[in-house]
Amino acid sequence: MLTFRHPIAELLHSTAQGLESMVTSSAKVVRLVWAICLLIGTGFHMVDFFRSGGAYPGYPLGTVVFWNALTVLDPLAATLLFWRPRLGVLSTLAIILSDVSHNVWAVATYDAMVWPVAMQAAFLVFVLATAHLIWRDSWAQEA
């Protein structure tokens, strides 16, 4: 059966396909950037762990447990970004929101280093600005 497609309909259809392809490409790049940042965080936590023996002298037990847990949670979230993207988004959001909040408190209370918190805050802004790309892309892949 022959169907007639209007040239404008064809243009809209091809534009939509192109945009969908761009979103998918952007989402992959964003996931990669997130994973790299999480793995950089893992590296910093591992260095701190080996320097202090996991003790972080002068900090409360909750802080010590939280910072040591990030050594495992960061790479887990990075893995989830590729294995279960939506769960990876939620995990990354939970980690970076709690990490920045906790570290701002640590800077104010214990005079901790400021520059790592500034870097984490920049990553938090990037995560908040780009989470929708990964979420939308993973939704489209499951449909």
Foldseek 3Di string as FASTA:
>chain_A
DDDDDDPVNVVVVVVVVVVLVVLLVVLVVLLVVLLVVLVVLLVVLVVVCVVVVLPPPPDDPVVSVLSNVSNVLSNVLSVCCPVPVVVSLVSSLVSLVVVLVVVVVCCVPVVDDDVVSVVSVVVNVSSVVCVVSSVVNSVVVVD
